[in-house]
C-alpha atoms as a PDB file:
ATOM      1  CA  MET A   1     -27.068 -37.683  40.444  1.00  0.00           C
ATOM      2  CA  ASN A   2     -26.180 -41.141  41.781  1.00  0.00           C
ATOM      3  CA  LYS A   3     -26.979 -44.062  39.504  1.00  0.00           C
ATOM      4  CA  THR A   4     -27.405 -47.712  40.437  1.00  0.00           C
ATOM      5  CA  ALA A   5     -27.369 -50.909  38.389  1.00  0.00           C
ATOM      6  CA  ILE A   6     -28.519 -54.316  39.607  1.00  0.00           C
ATOM      7  CA  ILE A   7     -26.432 -57.294  38.530  1.00  0.00           C
ATOM      8  CA  ILE A   8     -27.611 -60.804  39.377  1.00  0.00           C
ATOM      9  CA  PRO A   9     -24.889 -63.492  39.528  1.00  0.00           C
ATOM     10  CA  SER A  10     -26.060 -66.937  38.496  1.00  0.00           C
ATOM     11  CA  ARG A  11     -24.580 -70.318  37.613  1.00  0.00           C
ATOM     12  CA  MET A  12     -25.783 -73.833  36.879  1.00  0.00           C
ATOM     13  CA  SER A  13     -23.264 -75.670  39.062  1.00  0.00           C
ATOM     14  CA  ALA A  14     -24.523 -74.810  42.550  1.00  0.00           C
ATOM     15  CA  SER A  15     -23.252 -77.527  44.895  1.00  0.00           C
ATOM     16  CA  ARG A  16     -26.520 -78.280  46.701  1.00  0.00           C
ATOM     17  CA  LEU A  17     -28.974 -77.965  43.803  1.00  0.00           C
ATOM     18  CA  ALA A  18     -27.363 -78.028  40.385  1.00  0.00           C
ATOM     19  CA  GLY A  19     -29.313 -76.334  37.612  1.00  0.00           C
ATOM     20  CA  LYS A  20     -31.553 -74.374  39.987  1.00  0.00           C
ATOM     21  CA  PRO A  21     -31.614 -71.106  37.959  1.00  0.00           C
ATOM     22  CA  LEU A  22     -33.646 -72.873  35.269  1.00  0.00           C
ATOM     23  CA  LEU A  23     -36.069 -74.713  37.554  1.00  0.00           C
ATOM     24  CA  LYS A  24     -39.540 -73.412  36.788  1.00  0.00           C
ATOM     25  CA  ILE A  25     -42.208 -71.879  38.987  1.00  0.00           C
ATOM     26  CA  ASN A  26     -45.426 -70.929  37.201  1.00  0.00           C
ATOM     27  CA  ASN A  27     -43.663 -71.962  33.959  1.00  0.00           C
ATOM     28  CA  LEU A  28     -40.961 -69.317  34.416  1.00  0.00           C
ATOM     29  CA  PRO A  29     -37.349 -70.114  35.400  1.00  0.00           C
ATOM     30  CA  ILE A  30     -36.265 -68.974  38.872  1.00  0.00           C
ATOM     31  CA  ILE A  31     -33.646 -66.607  37.436  1.00  0.00           C
ATOM     32  CA  CYS A  32     -36.330 -64.809  35.431  1.00  0.00           C
ATOM     33  CA  HIS A  33     -38.496 -64.372  38.532  1.00  0.00           C
ATOM     34  CA  VAL A  34     -35.509 -62.675  40.197  1.00  0.00           C
ATOM     35  CA  VAL A  35     -35.002 -60.409  37.184  1.00  0.00           C
ATOM     36  CA  ASN A  36     -38.654 -59.385  37.379  1.00  0.00           C
ATOM     37  CA  LYS A  37     -38.374 -58.586  41.103  1.00  0.00           C
ATOM     38  CA  ALA A  38     -35.316 -56.440  40.400  1.00  0.00           C
ATOM     39  CA  ARG A  39     -37.201 -54.595  37.674  1.00  0.00           C
ATOM     40  CA  GLU A  40     -40.074 -53.923  40.074  1.00  0.00           C
ATOM     41  CA  ALA A  41     -37.642 -52.021  42.305  1.00  0.00           C
ATOM     42  CA  ASN A  42     -37.167 -49.606  39.386  1.00  0.00           C
ATOM     43  CA  ILE A  43     -33.850 -48.199  40.619  1.00  0.00           C
ATOM     44  CA  GLY A  44     -31.730 -48.896  37.542  1.00  0.00           C
ATOM     45  CA  GLU A  45     -30.949 -51.300  34.721  1.00  0.00           C
ATOM     46  CA  VAL A  46     -30.991 -55.018  35.562  1.00  0.00           C
ATOM     47  CA  TYR A  47     -28.535 -57.599  34.213  1.00  0.00           C
ATOM     48  CA  VAL A  48     -27.679 -61.246  34.837  1.00  0.00           C
ATOM     49  CA  ALA A  49     -23.993 -62.207  34.949  1.00  0.00           C
ATOM     50  CA  THR A  50     -23.336 -65.899  34.387  1.00  0.00           C
ATOM     51  CA  GLU A  51     -20.716 -68.371  33.191  1.00  0.00           C
ATOM     52  CA  ASP A  52     -23.405 -70.483  31.493  1.00  0.00           C
ATOM     53  CA  GLN A  53     -24.633 -69.744  27.985  1.00  0.00           C
ATOM     54  CA  GLU A  54     -27.931 -71.516  28.648  1.00  0.00           C
ATOM     55  CA  ILE A  55     -28.748 -69.011  31.409  1.00  0.00           C
ATOM     56  CA  VAL A  56     -27.884 -66.122  29.073  1.00  0.00           C
ATOM     57  CA  ASP A  57     -30.215 -67.592  26.434  1.00  0.00           C
ATOM     58  CA  VAL A  58     -33.136 -68.131  28.836  1.00  0.00           C
ATOM     59  CA  VAL A  59     -32.866 -64.642  30.327  1.00  0.00           C
ATOM     60  CA  ARG A  60     -32.796 -63.037  26.889  1.00  0.00           C
ATOM     61  CA  GLU A  61     -35.664 -65.218  25.627  1.00  0.00           C
ATOM     62  CA  ASN A  62     -37.754 -63.842  28.499  1.00  0.00           C
ATOM     63  CA  GLY A  63     -36.908 -60.209  27.777  1.00  0.00           C
ATOM     64  CA  GLY A  64     -34.004 -59.758  30.192  1.00  0.00           C
ATOM     65  CA  LYS A  65     -30.390 -58.670  29.724  1.00  0.00           C
ATOM     66  CA  ALA A  66     -27.461 -60.978  30.420  1.00  0.00           C
ATOM     67  CA  VAL A  67     -23.686 -61.082  30.038  1.00  0.00           C
ATOM     68  CA  LEU A  68     -21.400 -64.120  29.850  1.00  0.00           C
ATOM     69  CA  THR A  69     -18.495 -64.170  32.330  1.00  0.00           C
ATOM     70  CA  GLY A  70     -15.676 -66.506  33.231  1.00  0.00           C
ATOM     71  CA  LYS A  71     -15.794 -68.834  36.230  1.00  0.00           C
ATOM     72  CA  HIS A  72     -15.585 -67.167  39.652  1.00  0.00           C
ATOM     73  CA  ALA A  73     -15.357 -68.248  43.273  1.00  0.00           C
ATOM     74  CA  THR A  74     -17.956 -65.701  44.443  1.00  0.00           C
ATOM     75  CA  GLY A  75     -20.879 -63.676  43.183  1.00  0.00           C
ATOM     76  CA  SER A  76     -19.180 -60.345  43.853  1.00  0.00           C
ATOM     77  CA  ASP A  77     -16.238 -61.305  41.664  1.00  0.00           C
ATOM     78  CA  ARG A  78     -18.694 -62.307  38.953  1.00  0.00           C
ATOM     79  CA  ILE A  79     -20.747 -59.116  39.034  1.00  0.00           C
ATOM     80  CA  PHE A  80     -17.625 -56.967  38.784  1.00  0.00           C
ATOM     81  CA  GLU A  81     -16.535 -58.769  35.628  1.00  0.00           C
ATOM     82  CA  GLY A  82     -20.079 -58.335  34.325  1.00  0.00           C
ATOM     83  CA  TYR A  83     -19.947 -54.633  35.131  1.00  0.00           C
ATOM     84  CA  LYS A  84     -16.677 -54.239  33.220  1.00  0.00           C
ATOM     85  CA  LYS A  85     -17.863 -56.306  30.242  1.00  0.00           C
ATOM     86  CA  LEU A  86     -21.098 -54.337  29.986  1.00  0.00           C
ATOM     87  CA  ASN A  87     -19.044 -51.133  29.861  1.00  0.00           C
ATOM     88  CA  LEU A  88     -21.536 -49.358  32.088  1.00  0.00           C
ATOM     89  CA  THR A  89     -20.867 -45.634  32.496  1.00  0.00           C
ATOM     90  CA  GLY A  90     -21.955 -43.165  35.155  1.00  0.00           C
ATOM     91  CA  ILE A  91     -22.801 -45.924  37.650  1.00  0.00           C
ATOM     92  CA  ASN A  92     -22.045 -45.127  41.296  1.00  0.00           C
ATOM     93  CA  TYR A  93     -23.541 -48.192  42.968  1.00  0.00           C
ATOM     94  CA  LEU A  94     -23.930 -51.850  42.047  1.00  0.00           C
ATOM     95  CA  ILE A  95     -26.425 -54.123  43.746  1.00  0.00           C
ATOM     96  CA  ASN A  96     -25.606 -57.812  43.867  1.00  0.00           C
ATOM     97  CA  LEU A  97     -28.979 -59.556  43.982  1.00  0.00           C
ATOM     98  CA  GLN A  98     -28.788 -63.306  44.482  1.00  0.00           C
ATOM     99  CA  GLY A  99     -30.169 -65.366  41.616  1.00  0.00           C
ATOM    100  CA  ASP A 100     -31.906 -67.803  43.969  1.00  0.00           C
ATOM    101  CA  GLU A 101     -34.183 -65.286  45.748  1.00  0.00           C
ATOM    102  CA  PRO A 102     -37.395 -65.282  43.650  1.00  0.00           C
ATOM    103  CA  MET A 103     -39.416 -63.964  46.605  1.00  0.00           C
ATOM    104  CA  ILE A 104     -37.225 -60.961  47.429  1.00  0.00           C
ATOM    105  CA  ASN A 105     -39.270 -57.882  48.318  1.00  0.00           C
ATOM    106  CA  PRO A 106     -38.562 -55.028  45.855  1.00  0.00           C
ATOM    107  CA  GLU A 107     -39.226 -52.527  48.673  1.00  0.00           C
ATOM    108  CA  ASP A 108     -36.224 -53.898  50.537  1.00  0.00           C
ATOM    109  CA  ILE A 109     -34.023 -53.382  47.472  1.00  0.00           C
ATOM    110  CA  ILE A 110     -35.289 -49.802  47.194  1.00  0.00           C
ATOM    111  CA  ASN A 111     -34.681 -49.104  50.888  1.00  0.00           C
ATOM    112  CA  LEU A 112     -31.130 -50.490  50.744  1.00  0.00           C
ATOM    113  CA  ASN A 113     -30.331 -48.384  47.692  1.00  0.00           C
ATOM    114  CA  ASN A 114     -31.753 -45.248  49.342  1.00  0.00           C
ATOM    115  CA  LYS A 115     -29.741 -45.808  52.530  1.00  0.00           C
ATOM    116  CA  MET A 116     -26.565 -46.321  50.480  1.00  0.00           C
ATOM    117  CA  ILE A 117     -27.007 -43.029  48.610  1.00  0.00           C
ATOM    118  CA  GLU A 118     -28.274 -40.930  51.533  1.00  0.00           C
ATOM    119  CA  ASN A 119     -25.431 -41.989  53.834  1.00  0.00           C
ATOM    120  CA  ASN A 120     -22.596 -42.490  51.348  1.00  0.00           C
ATOM    121  CA  ILE A 121     -22.137 -46.127  52.423  1.00  0.00           C
ATOM    122  CA  ASN A 122     -19.430 -48.250  50.781  1.00  0.00           C
ATOM    123  CA  ILE A 123     -20.977 -51.692  51.310  1.00  0.00           C
ATOM    124  CA  GLY A 124     -24.502 -52.370  52.511  1.00  0.00           C
ATOM    125  CA  THR A 125     -26.616 -55.471  52.980  1.00  0.00           C
ATOM    126  CA  LEU A 126     -29.930 -56.585  54.483  1.00  0.00           C
ATOM    127  CA  GLY A 127     -30.931 -58.322  57.700  1.00  0.00           C
ATOM    128  CA  THR A 128     -34.296 -59.200  59.165  1.00  0.00           C
ATOM    129  CA  ASP A 129     -35.595 -60.510  62.468  1.00  0.00           C
ATOM    130  CA  LEU A 130     -35.144 -64.223  63.169  1.00  0.00           C
ATOM    131  CA  LYS A 131     -38.448 -66.071  62.913  1.00  0.00           C
ATOM    132  CA  ASN A 132     -37.430 -68.625  65.519  1.00  0.00           C
ATOM    133  CA  ASP A 133     -34.394 -69.843  67.461  1.00  0.00           C
ATOM    134  CA  SER A 134     -34.048 -72.982  65.336  1.00  0.00           C
ATOM    135  CA  ILE A 135     -32.686 -70.787  62.547  1.00  0.00           C
ATOM    136  CA  LEU A 136     -29.549 -70.266  64.639  1.00  0.00           C
ATOM    137  CA  GLU A 137     -28.620 -73.913  64.063  1.00  0.00           C
ATOM    138  CA  ASN A 138     -29.650 -74.037  60.400  1.00  0.00           C
ATOM    139  CA  GLU A 139     -26.444 -73.830  58.363  1.00  0.00           C
ATOM    140  CA  ASN A 140     -28.388 -72.987  55.205  1.00  0.00           C
ATOM    141  CA  VAL A 141     -29.486 -69.690  56.777  1.00  0.00           C
ATOM    142  CA  VAL A 142     -26.726 -67.105  57.192  1.00  0.00           C
ATOM    143  CA  LYS A 143     -26.904 -64.863  60.266  1.00  0.00           C
ATOM    144  CA  VAL A 144     -25.446 -61.402  60.791  1.00  0.00           C
ATOM    145  CA  VAL A 145     -24.474 -59.832  64.117  1.00  0.00           C
ATOM    146  CA  THR A 146     -24.713 -56.041  64.299  1.00  0.00           C
ATOM    147  CA  GLU A 147     -23.203 -53.506  66.674  1.00  0.00           C
ATOM    148  CA  LYS A 148     -26.613 -52.149  67.627  1.00  0.00           C
ATOM    149  CA  LYS A 149     -30.256 -53.050  67.275  1.00  0.00           C
ATOM    150  CA  LEU A 150     -31.812 -52.413  63.867  1.00  0.00           C
ATOM    151  CA  ASP A 151     -35.054 -50.606  63.224  1.00  0.00           C
ATOM    152  CA  ALA A 152     -36.811 -49.226  60.166  1.00  0.00           C
ATOM    153  CA  ASN A 153     -35.058 -45.856  60.380  1.00  0.00           C
ATOM    154  CA  ASN A 154     -31.462 -46.793  61.087  1.00  0.00           C
ATOM    155  CA  PHE A 155     -28.672 -49.101  59.986  1.00  0.00           C
ATOM    156  CA  ALA A 156     -25.790 -50.661  61.878  1.00  0.00           C
ATOM    157  CA  LYS A 157     -22.290 -51.964  61.297  1.00  0.00           C
ATOM    158  CA  ALA A 158     -21.917 -55.730  60.892  1.00  0.00           C
ATOM    159  CA  LYS A 159     -19.704 -57.360  63.526  1.00  0.00           C
ATOM    160  CA  ASN A 160     -19.821 -60.905  62.175  1.00  0.00           C
ATOM    161  CA  PHE A 161     -21.572 -63.317  59.841  1.00  0.00           C
ATOM    162  CA  PHE A 162     -22.036 -66.998  60.619  1.00  0.00           C
ATOM    163  CA  ARG A 163     -23.901 -70.129  59.647  1.00  0.00           C
ATOM    164  CA  LYS A 164     -23.878 -71.976  62.973  1.00  0.00           C
ATOM    165  CA  ASN A 165     -22.575 -71.792  66.547  1.00  0.00           C
ATOM    166  CA  SER A 166     -21.793 -68.102  67.020  1.00  0.00           C
ATOM    167  CA  ASN A 167     -20.311 -66.929  70.300  1.00  0.00           C
ATOM    168  CA  ASP A 168     -22.180 -63.623  70.229  1.00  0.00           C
ATOM    169  CA  ASN A 169     -24.778 -64.541  72.896  1.00  0.00           C
ATOM    170  CA  ASN A 170     -27.561 -64.019  70.342  1.00  0.00           C
ATOM    171  CA  LEU A 171     -27.456 -60.245  70.886  1.00  0.00           C
ATOM    172  CA  ASN A 172     -28.427 -58.248  67.792  1.00  0.00           C
ATOM    173  CA  VAL A 173     -28.449 -61.354  65.608  1.00  0.00           C
ATOM    174  CA  TYR A 174     -30.476 -61.189  62.405  1.00  0.00           C
ATOM    175  CA  HIS A 175     -31.292 -63.421  59.466  1.00  0.00           C
ATOM    176  CA  HIS A 176     -28.946 -62.196  56.740  1.00  0.00           C
ATOM    177  CA  ILE A 177     -30.495 -61.667  53.327  1.00  0.00           C
ATOM    178  CA  GLY A 178     -27.837 -62.077  50.651  1.00  0.00           C
ATOM    179  CA  VAL A 179     -28.292 -58.797  48.838  1.00  0.00           C
ATOM    180  CA  TYR A 180     -25.257 -56.511  48.675  1.00  0.00           C
ATOM    181  CA  ALA A 181     -24.900 -52.924  47.528  1.00  0.00           C
ATOM    182  CA  TYR A 182     -21.452 -51.622  46.681  1.00  0.00           C
ATOM    183  CA  ASN A 183     -19.937 -48.295  45.890  1.00  0.00           C
ATOM    184  CA  VAL A 184     -18.218 -49.223  42.611  1.00  0.00           C
ATOM    185  CA  SER A 185     -14.727 -48.236  43.781  1.00  0.00           C
ATOM    186  CA  THR A 186     -15.154 -50.291  46.964  1.00  0.00           C
ATOM    187  CA  LEU A 187     -16.260 -53.324  44.964  1.00  0.00           C
ATOM    188  CA  GLU A 188     -13.166 -52.976  42.783  1.00  0.00           C
ATOM    189  CA  LYS A 189     -11.014 -52.916  45.928  1.00  0.00           C
ATOM    190  CA  PHE A 190     -12.903 -55.854  47.425  1.00  0.00           C
ATOM    191  CA  ILE A 191     -12.478 -58.176  44.449  1.00  0.00           C
ATOM    192  CA  SER A 192      -8.756 -57.329  44.246  1.00  0.00           C
ATOM    193  CA  LEU A 193      -8.243 -58.861  47.698  1.00  0.00           C
ATOM    194  CA  GLN A 194      -7.322 -62.510  48.128  1.00  0.00           C
ATOM    195  CA  GLN A 195      -9.965 -64.783  49.620  1.00  0.00           C
ATOM    196  CA  THR A 196      -9.266 -65.074  53.333  1.00  0.00           C
ATOM    197  CA  LYS A 197      -8.981 -68.318  55.284  1.00  0.00           C
ATOM    198  CA  ASN A 198     -12.028 -67.265  57.289  1.00  0.00           C
ATOM    199  CA  GLU A 199     -14.063 -66.702  54.115  1.00  0.00           C
ATOM    200  CA  ILE A 200     -13.106 -70.055  52.608  1.00  0.00           C
ATOM    201  CA  GLN A 201     -13.693 -72.077  55.769  1.00  0.00           C
ATOM    202  CA  LYS A 202     -17.098 -70.540  56.491  1.00  0.00           C
ATOM    203  CA  ARG A 203     -18.175 -70.191  52.834  1.00  0.00           C
ATOM    204  CA  LEU A 204     -19.118 -66.539  53.351  1.00  0.00           C
ATOM    205  CA  GLU A 205     -17.593 -64.034  50.942  1.00  0.00           C
ATOM    206  CA  GLN A 206     -18.604 -61.043  53.084  1.00  0.00           C
ATOM    207  CA  LEU A 207     -16.010 -62.110  55.666  1.00  0.00           C
ATOM    208  CA  ARG A 208     -13.324 -61.070  53.170  1.00  0.00           C
ATOM    209  CA  ALA A 209     -14.433 -57.478  53.702  1.00  0.00           C
ATOM    210  CA  LEU A 210     -14.512 -57.690  57.502  1.00  0.00           C
ATOM    211  CA  ASP A 211     -11.145 -59.488  57.572  1.00  0.00           C
ATOM    212  CA  ASN A 212      -9.697 -56.531  55.651  1.00  0.00           C
ATOM    213  CA  ASN A 213     -11.311 -53.855  57.855  1.00  0.00           C
ATOM    214  CA  ILE A 214     -13.905 -52.863  55.258  1.00  0.00           C
ATOM    215  CA  ASP A 215     -17.173 -51.984  57.003  1.00  0.00           C
ATOM    216  CA  ILE A 216     -20.474 -53.539  55.957  1.00  0.00           C
ATOM    217  CA  MET A 217     -23.585 -51.659  57.043  1.00  0.00           C
ATOM    218  CA  VAL A 218     -26.803 -53.614  57.635  1.00  0.00           C
ATOM    219  CA  VAL A 219     -30.270 -52.270  56.801  1.00  0.00           C
ATOM    220  CA  LEU A 220     -33.416 -53.834  58.256  1.00  0.00           C
ATOM    221  CA  ALA A 221     -35.549 -55.675  55.697  1.00  0.00           C
ATOM    222  CA  LYS A 222     -39.311 -55.991  55.904  1.00  0.00           C
ATOM    223  CA  SER A 223     -39.362 -59.674  55.019  1.00  0.00           C
ATOM    224  CA  SER A 224     -37.177 -62.762  55.057  1.00  0.00           C
ATOM    225  CA  PRO A 225     -37.586 -64.538  51.724  1.00  0.00           C
ATOM    226  CA  ILE A 226     -36.717 -68.206  51.364  1.00  0.00           C
ATOM    227  CA  GLY A 227     -33.638 -68.721  49.203  1.00  0.00           C
ATOM    228  CA  VAL A 228     -33.441 -71.773  46.948  1.00  0.00           C
ATOM    229  CA  ASP A 229     -30.517 -73.753  48.386  1.00  0.00           C
ATOM    230  CA  THR A 230     -31.985 -77.248  48.353  1.00  0.00           C
ATOM    231  CA  LYS A 231     -34.655 -79.262  46.566  1.00  0.00           C
ATOM    232  CA  GLU A 232     -36.829 -78.854  49.683  1.00  0.00           C
ATOM    233  CA  ASP A 233     -36.474 -75.052  49.458  1.00  0.00           C
ATOM    234  CA  PHE A 234     -37.483 -75.143  45.805  1.00  0.00           C
ATOM    235  CA  LEU A 235     -40.579 -77.242  46.468  1.00  0.00           C
ATOM    236  CA  ALA A 236     -41.604 -74.976  49.361  1.00  0.00           C
ATOM    237  CA  ILE A 237     -41.204 -71.796  47.299  1.00  0.00           C
ATOM    238  CA  LYS A 238     -42.909 -73.350  44.294  1.00  0.00           C
ATOM    239  CA  LYS A 239     -45.903 -74.239  46.452  1.00  0.00           C
ATOM    240  CA  ILE A 240     -46.133 -70.731  47.932  1.00  0.00           C
ATOM    241  CA  MET A 241     -45.695 -68.855  44.653  1.00  0.00           C
ATOM    242  CA  GLU A 242     -48.023 -71.070  42.634  1.00  0.00           C
ATOM    243  CA  TYR A 243     -50.660 -70.888  45.367  1.00  0.00           C
ATOM    244  CA  LYS A 244     -50.476 -67.063  45.344  1.00  0.00           C
ATOM    245  CA  SER A 245     -50.975 -66.973  41.600  1.00  0.00           C
END
């Protein structure tokens, strides 16, 4: 039987909003909201991997599990160290759930995991329909271009990821949701590769896979949650989540 673990990379030193994992919404730090969403998916154990002891302490104080790692350039590198340090056994798939997505839909995590297992996919991620054309020029929103149109029953190979000014004529372009699922052996191969020039210039770690001819399959998500990249994002999410409660 295939087993999955969710590991959430997190750090205090985010360039655009330092300290964001511990910013509070409804008196609970953002990172703990993400842990709770991951638990709701109920597909496996949930851990936070972080280079900051204060994040470890907060997660544990709120009933979560966390592991301290070294410093890493990307989240995928961090979750693999976390996986090794946790000495997890019998795990076939790891899901990298971003620590700044407190409004992620657990159903989308479940669907991605199911597609990975049913189709023996090596790397999978999520995309959803663009809400409006202005998103194409918003560098804080990553877009993914797929080989064919997505629907609820299929998935498609990613052709490219970009932040702004793609030359793909806006055909099969989706809002990329930064959740990744990896076959463990593929993740080990991925993190052994050097960061590519393309990845560094565009600040998109998934381009390392495409640059090395490793396929990424995209699954359609039901919703497009706001990620916390800026103070404005945080205030918008805080307003939405505290209103709902």
